[in-house]
C-alpha atoms as a PDB file:
ATOM      1  CA  UNK A   1      76.422 166.274 180.545  1.00  0.00           C
ATOM      2  CA  UNK A   2      76.080 164.961 176.999  1.00  0.00           C
ATOM      3  CA  UNK A   3      79.662 163.624 177.129  1.00  0.00           C
ATOM      4  CA  UNK A   4      78.781 161.688 180.310  1.00  0.00           C
ATOM      5  CA  UNK A   5      75.601 160.352 178.698  1.00  0.00           C
ATOM      6  CA  UNK A   6      77.552 159.348 175.577  1.00  0.00           C
ATOM      7  CA  UNK A   7      80.144 157.505 177.672  1.00  0.00           C
ATOM      8  CA  UNK A   8      77.512 155.819 179.857  1.00  0.00           C
ATOM      9  CA  UNK A   9      75.270 154.784 176.959  1.00  0.00           C
ATOM     10  CA  UNK A  10      78.281 153.026 175.402  1.00  0.00           C
ATOM     11  CA  UNK A  11      77.940 150.332 178.076  1.00  0.00           C
ATOM     12  CA  UNK A  12      74.353 149.716 176.954  1.00  0.00           C
ATOM     13  CA  UNK A  13      75.487 149.451 173.329  1.00  0.00           C
ATOM     14  CA  UNK A  14      78.267 146.968 174.150  1.00  0.00           C
ATOM     15  CA  UNK A  15      75.921 144.838 176.267  1.00  0.00           C
ATOM     16  CA  UNK A  16      73.255 144.822 173.528  1.00  0.00           C
ATOM     17  CA  UNK A  17      75.802 143.750 170.916  1.00  0.00           C
ATOM     18  CA  UNK A  18      77.112 140.934 173.101  1.00  0.00           C
ATOM     19  CA  UNK A  19      73.591 139.664 173.847  1.00  0.00           C
ATOM     20  CA  UNK A  20      72.517 139.905 170.199  1.00  0.00           C
ATOM     21  CA  UNK A  21      75.577 138.156 168.797  1.00  0.00           C
ATOM     22  CA  UNK A  22      75.485 135.347 171.377  1.00  0.00           C
ATOM     23  CA  UNK A  23      71.734 134.825 170.842  1.00  0.00           C
ATOM     24  CA  UNK A  24      72.050 134.723 167.067  1.00  0.00           C
ATOM     25  CA  UNK A  25      75.076 132.407 167.083  1.00  0.00           C
ATOM     26  CA  UNK A  26      73.338 129.998 169.478  1.00  0.00           C
ATOM     27  CA  UNK A  27      70.133 130.124 167.435  1.00  0.00           C
ATOM     28  CA  UNK A  28      71.992 129.434 164.190  1.00  0.00           C
ATOM     29  CA  UNK A  29      74.076 126.574 165.576  1.00  0.00           C
ATOM     30  CA  UNK A  30      71.079 125.146 167.440  1.00  0.00           C
ATOM     31  CA  UNK A  31      68.926 125.117 164.306  1.00  0.00           C
ATOM     32  CA  UNK A  32      66.262 127.316 165.877  1.00  0.00           C
ATOM     33  CA  UNK A  33      63.626 129.148 163.912  1.00  0.00           C
ATOM     34  CA  UNK A  34      63.755 132.901 163.419  1.00  0.00           C
ATOM     35  CA  UNK A  35      60.957 134.657 165.290  1.00  0.00           C
ATOM     36  CA  UNK A  36      59.856 138.236 164.955  1.00  0.00           C
ATOM     37  CA  UNK A  37      58.847 138.401 168.622  1.00  0.00           C
ATOM     38  CA  UNK A  38      62.385 137.857 169.890  1.00  0.00           C
ATOM     39  CA  UNK A  39      64.991 137.725 167.118  1.00  0.00           C
ATOM     40  CA  UNK A  40      63.759 140.629 164.997  1.00  0.00           C
ATOM     41  CA  UNK A  41      63.148 142.844 168.018  1.00  0.00           C
ATOM     42  CA  UNK A  42      66.545 142.090 169.527  1.00  0.00           C
ATOM     43  CA  UNK A  43      68.313 143.109 166.311  1.00  0.00           C
ATOM     44  CA  UNK A  44      66.118 146.202 166.061  1.00  0.00           C
ATOM     45  CA  UNK A  45      66.736 147.273 169.673  1.00  0.00           C
ATOM     46  CA  UNK A  46      70.480 146.840 169.178  1.00  0.00           C
ATOM     47  CA  UNK A  47      70.293 149.022 166.074  1.00  0.00           C
ATOM     48  CA  UNK A  48      68.275 151.641 167.953  1.00  0.00           C
ATOM     49  CA  UNK A  49      70.761 151.758 170.836  1.00  0.00           C
ATOM     50  CA  UNK A  50      73.555 152.288 168.309  1.00  0.00           C
ATOM     51  CA  UNK A  51      71.622 155.111 166.610  1.00  0.00           C
ATOM     52  CA  UNK A  52      71.121 156.812 169.972  1.00  0.00           C
ATOM     53  CA  UNK A  53      74.840 156.430 170.702  1.00  0.00           C
ATOM     54  CA  UNK A  54      75.791 157.902 167.315  1.00  0.00           C
ATOM     55  CA  UNK A  55      73.422 160.856 167.831  1.00  0.00           C
ATOM     56  CA  UNK A  56      74.920 161.555 171.256  1.00  0.00           C
ATOM     57  CA  UNK A  57      78.424 161.143 169.840  1.00  0.00           C
ATOM     58  CA  UNK A  58      77.848 163.496 166.922  1.00  0.00           C
ATOM     59  CA  UNK A  59      76.435 166.147 169.230  1.00  0.00           C
ATOM     60  CA  UNK A  60      79.437 165.699 171.529  1.00  0.00           C
ATOM     61  CA  UNK A  61      81.883 165.857 168.610  1.00  0.00           C
ATOM     62  CA  UNK A  62      80.368 168.942 166.979  1.00  0.00           C
ATOM     63  CA  UNK A  63      80.514 170.811 170.299  1.00  0.00           C
ATOM     64  CA  UNK A  64      84.031 169.634 171.189  1.00  0.00           C
ATOM     65  CA  UNK A  65      87.371 171.394 171.084  1.00  0.00           C
ATOM     66  CA  UNK A  66      88.478 168.897 168.415  1.00  0.00           C
ATOM     67  CA  UNK A  67      85.857 170.044 165.934  1.00  0.00           C
ATOM     68  CA  UNK A  68      86.628 173.643 166.805  1.00  0.00           C
ATOM     69  CA  UNK A  69      90.297 172.879 166.115  1.00  0.00           C
ATOM     70  CA  UNK A  70      89.371 171.607 162.662  1.00  0.00           C
ATOM     71  CA  UNK A  71      87.390 174.781 161.986  1.00  0.00           C
ATOM     72  CA  UNK A  72      90.307 176.915 163.188  1.00  0.00           C
ATOM     73  CA  UNK A  73      92.669 175.217 160.725  1.00  0.00           C
ATOM     74  CA  UNK A  74      94.669 173.261 163.302  1.00  0.00           C
ATOM     75  CA  UNK A  75      94.166 169.877 161.679  1.00  0.00           C
ATOM     76  CA  UNK A  76      97.898 169.245 161.308  1.00  0.00           C
ATOM     77  CA  UNK A  77      98.434 169.924 164.977  1.00  0.00           C
ATOM     78  CA  UNK A  78      95.574 167.599 165.964  1.00  0.00           C
ATOM     79  CA  UNK A  79      96.922 164.799 163.770  1.00  0.00           C
ATOM     80  CA  UNK A  80     100.408 164.846 165.353  1.00  0.00           C
ATOM     81  CA  UNK A  81      99.292 163.271 168.620  1.00  0.00           C
ATOM     82  CA  UNK A  82      97.680 159.840 168.740  1.00  0.00           C
ATOM     83  CA  UNK A  83      95.167 160.773 171.457  1.00  0.00           C
ATOM     84  CA  UNK A  84      93.798 163.807 169.654  1.00  0.00           C
ATOM     85  CA  UNK A  85      93.866 161.994 166.293  1.00  0.00           C
ATOM     86  CA  UNK A  86      91.798 159.194 167.810  1.00  0.00           C
ATOM     87  CA  UNK A  87      89.147 161.558 169.159  1.00  0.00           C
ATOM     88  CA  UNK A  88      89.180 163.895 166.160  1.00  0.00           C
ATOM     89  CA  UNK A  89      89.122 161.500 163.208  1.00  0.00           C
ATOM     90  CA  UNK A  90      89.517 157.788 163.961  1.00  0.00           C
ATOM     91  CA  UNK A  91      86.785 157.302 166.577  1.00  0.00           C
ATOM     92  CA  UNK A  92      84.002 159.192 164.736  1.00  0.00           C
ATOM     93  CA  UNK A  93      84.871 157.657 161.371  1.00  0.00           C
ATOM     94  CA  UNK A  94      84.972 154.078 162.632  1.00  0.00           C
ATOM     95  CA  UNK A  95      81.729 154.507 164.567  1.00  0.00           C
ATOM     96  CA  UNK A  96      79.944 155.787 161.475  1.00  0.00           C
ATOM     97  CA  UNK A  97      81.333 152.859 159.459  1.00  0.00           C
ATOM     98  CA  UNK A  98      80.128 150.487 162.179  1.00  0.00           C
ATOM     99  CA  UNK A  99      76.667 152.062 161.975  1.00  0.00           C
ATOM    100  CA  UNK A 100      76.584 151.577 158.208  1.00  0.00           C
ATOM    101  CA  UNK A 101      77.581 147.908 158.547  1.00  0.00           C
ATOM    102  CA  UNK A 102      75.035 147.228 161.277  1.00  0.00           C
ATOM    103  CA  UNK A 103      72.273 148.979 159.342  1.00  0.00           C
ATOM    104  CA  UNK A 104      73.170 147.015 156.196  1.00  0.00           C
ATOM    105  CA  UNK A 105      73.090 143.750 158.159  1.00  0.00           C
ATOM    106  CA  UNK A 106      69.677 144.610 159.583  1.00  0.00           C
ATOM    107  CA  UNK A 107      68.292 145.343 156.106  1.00  0.00           C
ATOM    108  CA  UNK A 108      69.756 142.099 154.731  1.00  0.00           C
ATOM    109  CA  UNK A 109      68.139 140.200 157.594  1.00  0.00           C
ATOM    110  CA  UNK A 110      64.742 141.744 156.838  1.00  0.00           C
ATOM    111  CA  UNK A 111      64.924 140.745 153.170  1.00  0.00           C
ATOM    112  CA  UNK A 112      66.077 137.162 153.750  1.00  0.00           C
ATOM    113  CA  UNK A 113      63.629 134.338 153.300  1.00  0.00           C
ATOM    114  CA  UNK A 114      65.058 131.428 155.291  1.00  0.00           C
ATOM    115  CA  UNK A 115      65.984 131.224 158.968  1.00  0.00           C
ATOM    116  CA  UNK A 116      69.674 130.598 158.272  1.00  0.00           C
ATOM    117  CA  UNK A 117      69.816 133.541 155.894  1.00  0.00           C
ATOM    118  CA  UNK A 118      68.198 135.746 158.536  1.00  0.00           C
ATOM    119  CA  UNK A 119      70.713 134.841 161.224  1.00  0.00           C
ATOM    120  CA  UNK A 120      73.847 135.128 159.065  1.00  0.00           C
ATOM    121  CA  UNK A 121      73.702 138.860 158.120  1.00  0.00           C
ATOM    122  CA  UNK A 122      73.288 139.821 161.757  1.00  0.00           C
ATOM    123  CA  UNK A 123      76.163 137.624 162.867  1.00  0.00           C
ATOM    124  CA  UNK A 124      78.455 138.844 160.086  1.00  0.00           C
ATOM    125  CA  UNK A 125      77.651 142.557 159.840  1.00  0.00           C
ATOM    126  CA  UNK A 126      76.807 143.192 163.486  1.00  0.00           C
ATOM    127  CA  UNK A 127      79.977 141.269 164.355  1.00  0.00           C
ATOM    128  CA  UNK A 128      82.189 143.350 162.067  1.00  0.00           C
ATOM    129  CA  UNK A 129      80.499 146.559 163.226  1.00  0.00           C
ATOM    130  CA  UNK A 130      81.013 145.536 166.862  1.00  0.00           C
ATOM    131  CA  UNK A 131      84.671 144.822 166.120  1.00  0.00           C
ATOM    132  CA  UNK A 132      85.030 148.324 164.644  1.00  0.00           C
ATOM    133  CA  UNK A 133      83.432 149.756 167.781  1.00  0.00           C
ATOM    134  CA  UNK A 134      85.726 147.817 170.103  1.00  0.00           C
ATOM    135  CA  UNK A 135      88.818 148.779 168.111  1.00  0.00           C
ATOM    136  CA  UNK A 136      88.167 152.516 168.275  1.00  0.00           C
ATOM    137  CA  UNK A 137      86.674 153.025 171.725  1.00  0.00           C
ATOM    138  CA  UNK A 138      88.985 155.448 173.543  1.00  0.00           C
ATOM    139  CA  UNK A 139      89.689 152.919 176.298  1.00  0.00           C
ATOM    140  CA  UNK A 140      91.960 155.221 178.298  1.00  0.00           C
ATOM    141  CA  UNK A 141      89.222 157.806 178.788  1.00  0.00           C
ATOM    142  CA  UNK A 142      86.259 155.416 178.781  1.00  0.00           C
ATOM    143  CA  UNK A 143      87.141 153.235 181.755  1.00  0.00           C
END
């Protein structure tokens, strides 16, 4: 059940990232002002959806056969195959790095004083975090 929820919620995360990045890029290039009613909340909701996804993913990972394999000392065996390596190490690590980048971008946005400096951290750090997410989604099992 949690695995299904984790896989389904990923669509929400991807959609939120696409909406946020497009909105911020259009606002920056259009010279629009940063507003807390829309811009701040959009970045915050995207961050919240990612936190929910990470929580679901960590619960899924800690209850998976891959984590049990690590505890049983079968790390070498798990690392031999690209599919199990992806789900055991690469996917969780890249998702946590993406979360750190997105969180850092959100904090930089909050501390910025001008509109341009508020849009740029979201575009840069949310963009890099989203790239990390897209690179390490297990596409074969997700779709």
